Structure formats: C-alpha cells, structure tokens
Amino acid sequence: MRKSKQERKDEVFKAIGQIASQKGFNNVTTKAVADVLGVTQPAIYKYFENRDELILYFMDKIDGYLLNIIETARKEKDIQKRILSLLSEHLKMVEDNEVLPIMVFSDEIYIGDIAKKEKLQTIVFNYRQNIVDLLNECPQSEIIADIMLGSIIFNGLKWRLNNKSYSLTSKVADLAQLINKLCF
C-alpha cells in the first residue's frame, strides 16, 4: 500500500532529525535523507527541491510541536498544572526528537542564511513569549520562562551526553517543583 504524502514527509522529518543528531545539520542533504529512508534521491525531490527546503520543513515541524505543547498547557486552569504540562510535553518531545537541543544551539543550521536565522529566531522567541504568557500569574514571569527554557535545553543536552541512559521525562516533577517555588 502506498504511503500518503504526509506519511512520507513524517519519515523525512525523522530522517532529518536522525542525520542532524548523529552528524550535524551540515550533513542533512537530499541524498543523505534518501539513504536513511532507503529510497532514491529523486523520490525526495517529489516533496523537497533541495537541502534548504528540508531544513525549513524541519524547523516548521518543530514549531508546530512547540505550539501544540503550548496549547496543551493552556488547557490547564491551574498554573502549577500548566507548568507540569509544559515541562512534561516538552521533555517528551526532546526524547522523541533528540536533535532539538542541538538545533537551538547549532550555528550551522543558519550560518550564512539570514532566512533560516530569522525563522529559528522567530520560533524560539515566540515559544518563549508563549511561556511568559502561560506564567502570567508568576512574578517575574520573563525570568522564570528563561529559567524553564534553560533547564529544558540543559537537561536535553545532559541526557544526550549520558547516552540517553535514563528517562528524560523522569526529571519533570523536580523541575516543576523548582519552577513552582520560583513562582510562589
């Protein structure tokens, strides 16, 4: 049975993440993606014209995941549950897409490409602002949002450096407790 266009694009997304997490974003090419998926390079060209389109698609997909995390957390009426939801969903996303901490710190994703830099900047700054908005009941919500993001990124990096030897989501309760203390 033939896969749908969206199923193929989901496979491409995972392949990009795999390549980037193992070899860096500079090694994400249409050929590399085709090799990971076991298809020909022209099969990739059906969906993406070039490497730039692959990277932009990857960034769009991550942006969508981040927006879903915010929407899920917004459904919680209690701020403590919003904090728990955001941390839980975000760390789960990092476990599922381990390249996320690399992407945020990686200059190679945008060096020499203003459009990619601006796109990453928009994604990161919008996500941060959404967290600030979620924490509106906390004094100094901007600083707490920065602490949350820093904790998420650091824990994702630490988890990768420890060869993913533990569940990243096991850190959620401790992080949520600390953020709650900072809020109240």
C-alpha atoms as a PDB file:
ATOM      1  CA  MET A   1       0.000   0.000   0.000  1.00  0.00           C
ATOM      2  CA  ARG A   2       1.307   3.442  -0.927  1.00  0.00           C
ATOM      3  CA  LYS A   3       2.115   5.884   1.813  1.00  0.00           C
ATOM      4  CA  SER A   4       0.399   9.240   1.885  1.00  0.00           C
ATOM      5  CA  LYS A   5       2.291  12.456   1.245  1.00  0.00           C
ATOM      6  CA  GLN A   6       2.082  13.291   4.950  1.00  0.00           C
ATOM      7  CA  GLU A   7       3.421   9.860   5.972  1.00  0.00           C
ATOM      8  CA  ARG A   8       6.370  10.361   3.614  1.00  0.00           C
ATOM      9  CA  LYS A   9       7.023  13.840   4.992  1.00  0.00           C
ATOM     10  CA  ASP A  10       6.878  12.461   8.556  1.00  0.00           C
ATOM     11  CA  GLU A  11       9.520   9.903   7.577  1.00  0.00           C
ATOM     12  CA  VAL A  12      11.643  12.687   6.096  1.00  0.00           C
ATOM     13  CA  PHE A  13      11.299  14.679   9.335  1.00  0.00           C
ATOM     14  CA  LYS A  14      12.552  11.727  11.375  1.00  0.00           C
ATOM     15  CA  ALA A  15      15.392  11.117   8.922  1.00  0.00           C
ATOM     16  CA  ILE A  16      16.492  14.754   9.143  1.00  0.00           C
ATOM     17  CA  GLY A  17      16.496  14.524  12.931  1.00  0.00           C
ATOM     18  CA  GLN A  18      18.490  11.291  12.820  1.00  0.00           C
ATOM     19  CA  ILE A  19      21.115  12.721  10.467  1.00  0.00           C
ATOM     20  CA  ALA A  20      21.384  16.011  12.361  1.00  0.00           C
ATOM     21  CA  SER A  21      21.684  14.320  15.755  1.00  0.00           C
ATOM     22  CA  GLN A  22      24.391  11.936  14.557  1.00  0.00           C
ATOM     23  CA  LYS A  23      26.342  14.058  12.077  1.00  0.00           C
ATOM     24  CA  GLY A  24      25.127  17.660  12.432  1.00  0.00           C
ATOM     25  CA  PHE A  25      22.875  19.796  10.267  1.00  0.00           C
ATOM     26  CA  ASN A  26      25.607  20.380   7.675  1.00  0.00           C
ATOM     27  CA  ASN A  27      25.228  16.731   6.695  1.00  0.00           C
ATOM     28  CA  VAL A  28      21.479  16.942   6.069  1.00  0.00           C
ATOM     29  CA  THR A  29      21.142  16.647   2.298  1.00  0.00           C
ATOM     30  CA  THR A  30      18.558  15.193  -0.038  1.00  0.00           C
ATOM     31  CA  LYS A  31      20.999  12.333  -0.715  1.00  0.00           C
ATOM     32  CA  ALA A  32      21.556  11.643   2.993  1.00  0.00           C
ATOM     33  CA  VAL A  33      17.801  11.650   3.659  1.00  0.00           C
ATOM     34  CA  ALA A  34      17.230   9.316   0.714  1.00  0.00           C
ATOM     35  CA  ASP A  35      19.929   6.967   2.027  1.00  0.00           C
ATOM     36  CA  VAL A  36      18.400   6.846   5.515  1.00  0.00           C
ATOM     37  CA  LEU A  37      14.960   6.129   4.063  1.00  0.00           C
ATOM     38  CA  GLY A  38      16.253   3.589   1.557  1.00  0.00           C
ATOM     39  CA  VAL A  39      14.820   5.461  -1.419  1.00  0.00           C
ATOM     40  CA  THR A  40      16.328   7.239  -4.385  1.00  0.00           C
ATOM     41  CA  GLN A  41      17.236  10.905  -4.274  1.00  0.00           C
ATOM     42  CA  PRO A  42      14.606  11.711  -6.929  1.00  0.00           C
ATOM     43  CA  ALA A  43      11.988  10.292  -4.546  1.00  0.00           C
ATOM     44  CA  ILE A  44      12.922  13.041  -2.089  1.00  0.00           C
ATOM     45  CA  TYR A  45      12.682  15.651  -4.852  1.00  0.00           C
ATOM     46  CA  LYS A  46       8.964  14.842  -5.143  1.00  0.00           C
ATOM     47  CA  TYR A  47       8.499  16.662  -1.850  1.00  0.00           C
ATOM     48  CA  PHE A  48      11.556  18.896  -1.422  1.00  0.00           C
ATOM     49  CA  GLU A  49      13.528  20.743  -4.094  1.00  0.00           C
ATOM     50  CA  ASN A  50      16.742  20.992  -2.098  1.00  0.00           C
ATOM     51  CA  ARG A  51      18.505  20.903   1.266  1.00  0.00           C
ATOM     52  CA  ASP A  52      17.170  24.326   2.243  1.00  0.00           C
ATOM     53  CA  GLU A  53      13.588  23.131   1.870  1.00  0.00           C
ATOM     54  CA  LEU A  54      14.416  20.101   4.054  1.00  0.00           C
ATOM     55  CA  ILE A  55      15.779  22.290   6.841  1.00  0.00           C
ATOM     56  CA  LEU A  56      12.897  24.789   6.628  1.00  0.00           C
ATOM     57  CA  TYR A  57      10.381  21.924   6.722  1.00  0.00           C
ATOM     58  CA  PHE A  58      12.145  20.506   9.774  1.00  0.00           C
ATOM     59  CA  MET A  59      12.007  23.888  11.501  1.00  0.00           C
ATOM     60  CA  ASP A  60       8.302  24.298  10.645  1.00  0.00           C
ATOM     61  CA  LYS A  61       7.543  20.880  12.082  1.00  0.00           C
ATOM     62  CA  ILE A  62       9.381  21.691  15.331  1.00  0.00           C
ATOM     63  CA  ASP A  63       7.478  24.988  15.512  1.00  0.00           C
ATOM     64  CA  GLY A  64       4.231  23.023  15.206  1.00  0.00           C
ATOM     65  CA  TYR A  65       5.263  20.708  18.036  1.00  0.00           C
ATOM     66  CA  LEU A  66       6.098  23.689  20.250  1.00  0.00           C
ATOM     67  CA  LEU A  67       2.734  25.306  19.523  1.00  0.00           C
ATOM     68  CA  ASN A  68       0.991  22.028  20.431  1.00  0.00           C
ATOM     69  CA  ILE A  69       2.879  21.969  23.736  1.00  0.00           C
ATOM     70  CA  ILE A  70       1.661  25.490  24.499  1.00  0.00           C
ATOM     71  CA  GLU A  71      -1.937  24.650  23.515  1.00  0.00           C
ATOM     72  CA  THR A  72      -1.914  21.549  25.719  1.00  0.00           C
ATOM     73  CA  ALA A  73      -0.570  23.533  28.687  1.00  0.00           C
ATOM     74  CA  ARG A  74      -3.097  26.348  28.128  1.00  0.00           C
ATOM     75  CA  LYS A  75      -5.951  23.912  28.683  1.00  0.00           C
ATOM     76  CA  GLU A  76      -4.893  23.572  32.320  1.00  0.00           C
ATOM     77  CA  LYS A  77      -6.674  26.067  34.557  1.00  0.00           C
ATOM     78  CA  ASP A  78      -4.191  25.873  37.420  1.00  0.00           C
ATOM     79  CA  ILE A  79      -0.740  27.424  36.848  1.00  0.00           C
ATOM     80  CA  GLN A  80       1.028  24.549  38.587  1.00  0.00           C
ATOM     81  CA  LYS A  81      -0.625  22.095  36.198  1.00  0.00           C
ATOM     82  CA  ARG A  82       0.304  24.328  33.246  1.00  0.00           C
ATOM     83  CA  ILE A  83       3.948  24.259  34.359  1.00  0.00           C
ATOM     84  CA  LEU A  84       3.847  20.481  34.803  1.00  0.00           C
ATOM     85  CA  SER A  85       2.161  20.014  31.423  1.00  0.00           C
ATOM     86  CA  LEU A  86       4.617  22.251  29.586  1.00  0.00           C
ATOM     87  CA  LEU A  87       7.679  20.572  31.088  1.00  0.00           C
ATOM     88  CA  SER A  88       6.272  17.095  30.595  1.00  0.00           C
ATOM     89  CA  GLU A  89       5.275  17.639  26.973  1.00  0.00           C
ATOM     90  CA  HIS A  90       8.469  19.449  26.067  1.00  0.00           C
ATOM     91  CA  LEU A  91      10.819  16.879  27.601  1.00  0.00           C
ATOM     92  CA  LYS A  92       8.821  14.105  25.939  1.00  0.00           C
ATOM     93  CA  MET A  93       9.260  15.923  22.627  1.00  0.00           C
ATOM     94  CA  VAL A  94      13.019  16.103  23.219  1.00  0.00           C
ATOM     95  CA  GLU A  95      13.091  12.360  23.935  1.00  0.00           C
ATOM     96  CA  ASP A  96      11.217  11.762  20.678  1.00  0.00           C
ATOM     97  CA  ASN A  97      13.264  14.353  18.720  1.00  0.00           C
ATOM     98  CA  GLU A  98      16.659  14.419  20.373  1.00  0.00           C
ATOM     99  CA  VAL A  99      18.036  16.907  17.881  1.00  0.00           C
ATOM    100  CA  LEU A 100      16.020  19.775  19.388  1.00  0.00           C
ATOM    101  CA  PRO A 101      18.688  20.919  21.905  1.00  0.00           C
ATOM    102  CA  ILE A 102      21.277  20.691  19.116  1.00  0.00           C
ATOM    103  CA  MET A 103      19.110  22.748  16.782  1.00  0.00           C
ATOM    104  CA  VAL A 104      18.725  25.588  19.264  1.00  0.00           C
ATOM    105  CA  PHE A 105      22.483  25.763  19.899  1.00  0.00           C
ATOM    106  CA  SER A 106      23.619  24.995  16.375  1.00  0.00           C
ATOM    107  CA  ASP A 107      25.065  27.851  14.391  1.00  0.00           C
ATOM    108  CA  GLU A 108      25.411  25.559  11.404  1.00  0.00           C
ATOM    109  CA  ILE A 109      21.644  25.471  10.870  1.00  0.00           C
ATOM    110  CA  TYR A 110      21.642  29.148   9.949  1.00  0.00           C
ATOM    111  CA  ILE A 111      25.203  30.467   9.431  1.00  0.00           C
ATOM    112  CA  GLY A 112      25.249  32.395   6.185  1.00  0.00           C
ATOM    113  CA  ASP A 113      21.485  32.108   5.772  1.00  0.00           C
ATOM    114  CA  ILE A 114      19.532  35.067   7.110  1.00  0.00           C
ATOM    115  CA  ALA A 115      16.149  33.463   6.333  1.00  0.00           C
ATOM    116  CA  LYS A 116      16.933  30.387   8.456  1.00  0.00           C
ATOM    117  CA  LYS A 117      18.358  32.524  11.248  1.00  0.00           C
ATOM    118  CA  GLU A 118      15.242  34.690  11.297  1.00  0.00           C
ATOM    119  CA  LYS A 119      12.995  31.621  11.210  1.00  0.00           C
ATOM    120  CA  LEU A 120      14.815  29.997  14.157  1.00  0.00           C
ATOM    121  CA  GLN A 121      14.782  33.320  15.993  1.00  0.00           C
ATOM    122  CA  THR A 122      11.024  33.642  15.454  1.00  0.00           C
ATOM    123  CA  ILE A 123      10.368  30.071  16.614  1.00  0.00           C
ATOM    124  CA  VAL A 124      12.469  30.427  19.774  1.00  0.00           C
ATOM    125  CA  PHE A 125      11.269  33.913  20.719  1.00  0.00           C
ATOM    126  CA  ASN A 126       7.597  33.117  20.056  1.00  0.00           C
ATOM    127  CA  TYR A 127       7.840  29.977  22.159  1.00  0.00           C
ATOM    128  CA  ARG A 128       9.470  31.936  24.967  1.00  0.00           C
ATOM    129  CA  GLN A 129       6.732  34.590  24.797  1.00  0.00           C
ATOM    130  CA  ASN A 130       4.071  31.884  24.919  1.00  0.00           C
ATOM    131  CA  ILE A 131       5.700  30.517  28.077  1.00  0.00           C
ATOM    132  CA  VAL A 132       5.778  34.021  29.591  1.00  0.00           C
ATOM    133  CA  ASP A 133       2.055  34.317  28.813  1.00  0.00           C
ATOM    134  CA  LEU A 134       1.367  30.915  30.432  1.00  0.00           C
ATOM    135  CA  LEU A 135       3.180  32.085  33.554  1.00  0.00           C
ATOM    136  CA  ASN A 136       1.388  35.418  33.747  1.00  0.00           C
ATOM    137  CA  GLU A 137       0.393  34.741  37.367  1.00  0.00           C
ATOM    138  CA  CYS A 138       4.047  34.428  38.396  1.00  0.00           C
ATOM    139  CA  PRO A 139       6.015  37.469  39.420  1.00  0.00           C
ATOM    140  CA  GLN A 140       8.979  37.874  37.074  1.00  0.00           C
ATOM    141  CA  SER A 141       7.452  35.506  34.526  1.00  0.00           C
ATOM    142  CA  GLU A 142      10.035  36.522  31.911  1.00  0.00           C
ATOM    143  CA  ILE A 143      12.952  35.406  34.061  1.00  0.00           C
ATOM    144  CA  ILE A 144      11.155  32.207  35.032  1.00  0.00           C
ATOM    145  CA  ALA A 145      10.451  31.464  31.351  1.00  0.00           C
ATOM    146  CA  ASP A 146      14.184  31.832  30.646  1.00  0.00           C
ATOM    147  CA  ILE A 147      14.988  29.502  33.542  1.00  0.00           C
ATOM    148  CA  MET A 148      12.465  26.950  32.245  1.00  0.00           C
ATOM    149  CA  LEU A 149      13.874  27.047  28.731  1.00  0.00           C
ATOM    150  CA  GLY A 150      17.440  26.854  30.002  1.00  0.00           C
ATOM    151  CA  SER A 151      16.525  23.877  32.184  1.00  0.00           C
ATOM    152  CA  ILE A 152      14.846  22.089  29.295  1.00  0.00           C
ATOM    153  CA  ILE A 153      17.778  22.672  26.948  1.00  0.00           C
ATOM    154  CA  PHE A 154      20.405  21.756  29.545  1.00  0.00           C
ATOM    155  CA  ASN A 155      18.576  18.608  30.604  1.00  0.00           C
ATOM    156  CA  GLY A 156      18.197  17.555  26.967  1.00  0.00           C
ATOM    157  CA  LEU A 157      21.900  18.088  26.362  1.00  0.00           C
ATOM    158  CA  LYS A 158      22.885  16.283  29.576  1.00  0.00           C
ATOM    159  CA  TRP A 159      20.615  13.376  28.640  1.00  0.00           C
ATOM    160  CA  ARG A 160      22.278  13.089  25.211  1.00  0.00           C
ATOM    161  CA  LEU A 161      25.766  13.299  26.718  1.00  0.00           C
ATOM    162  CA  ASN A 162      24.799  10.469  29.087  1.00  0.00           C
ATOM    163  CA  ASN A 163      23.845   8.345  26.067  1.00  0.00           C
ATOM    164  CA  LYS A 164      20.136   8.644  26.882  1.00  0.00           C
ATOM    165  CA  SER A 165      20.725   6.258  29.796  1.00  0.00           C
ATOM    166  CA  TYR A 166      17.663   7.446  31.719  1.00  0.00           C
ATOM    167  CA  SER A 167      14.218   8.771  31.001  1.00  0.00           C
ATOM    168  CA  LEU A 168      14.357  12.490  30.404  1.00  0.00           C
ATOM    169  CA  THR A 169      10.746  12.816  31.489  1.00  0.00           C
ATOM    170  CA  SER A 170      11.760  11.477  34.913  1.00  0.00           C
ATOM    171  CA  LYS A 171      13.093  14.999  35.576  1.00  0.00           C
ATOM    172  CA  VAL A 172       9.694  16.666  35.130  1.00  0.00           C
ATOM    173  CA  ALA A 173       8.487  16.522  38.747  1.00  0.00           C
ATOM    174  CA  ASP A 174      11.695  18.011  40.179  1.00  0.00           C
ATOM    175  CA  LEU A 175      11.815  20.772  37.556  1.00  0.00           C
ATOM    176  CA  ALA A 176       8.126  21.582  38.043  1.00  0.00           C
ATOM    177  CA  GLN A 177       8.594  21.753  41.807  1.00  0.00           C
ATOM    178  CA  LEU A 178      11.504  24.173  41.414  1.00  0.00           C
ATOM    179  CA  ILE A 179       9.618  26.401  38.945  1.00  0.00           C
ATOM    180  CA  ASN A 180       6.624  26.462  41.279  1.00  0.00           C
ATOM    181  CA  LYS A 181       8.863  27.582  44.140  1.00  0.00           C
ATOM    182  CA  LEU A 182      10.215  30.381  41.958  1.00  0.00           C
ATOM    183  CA  CYS A 183       6.674  31.450  41.099  1.00  0.00           C
ATOM    184  CA  PHE A 184       5.238  31.479  44.581  1.00  0.00           C
END
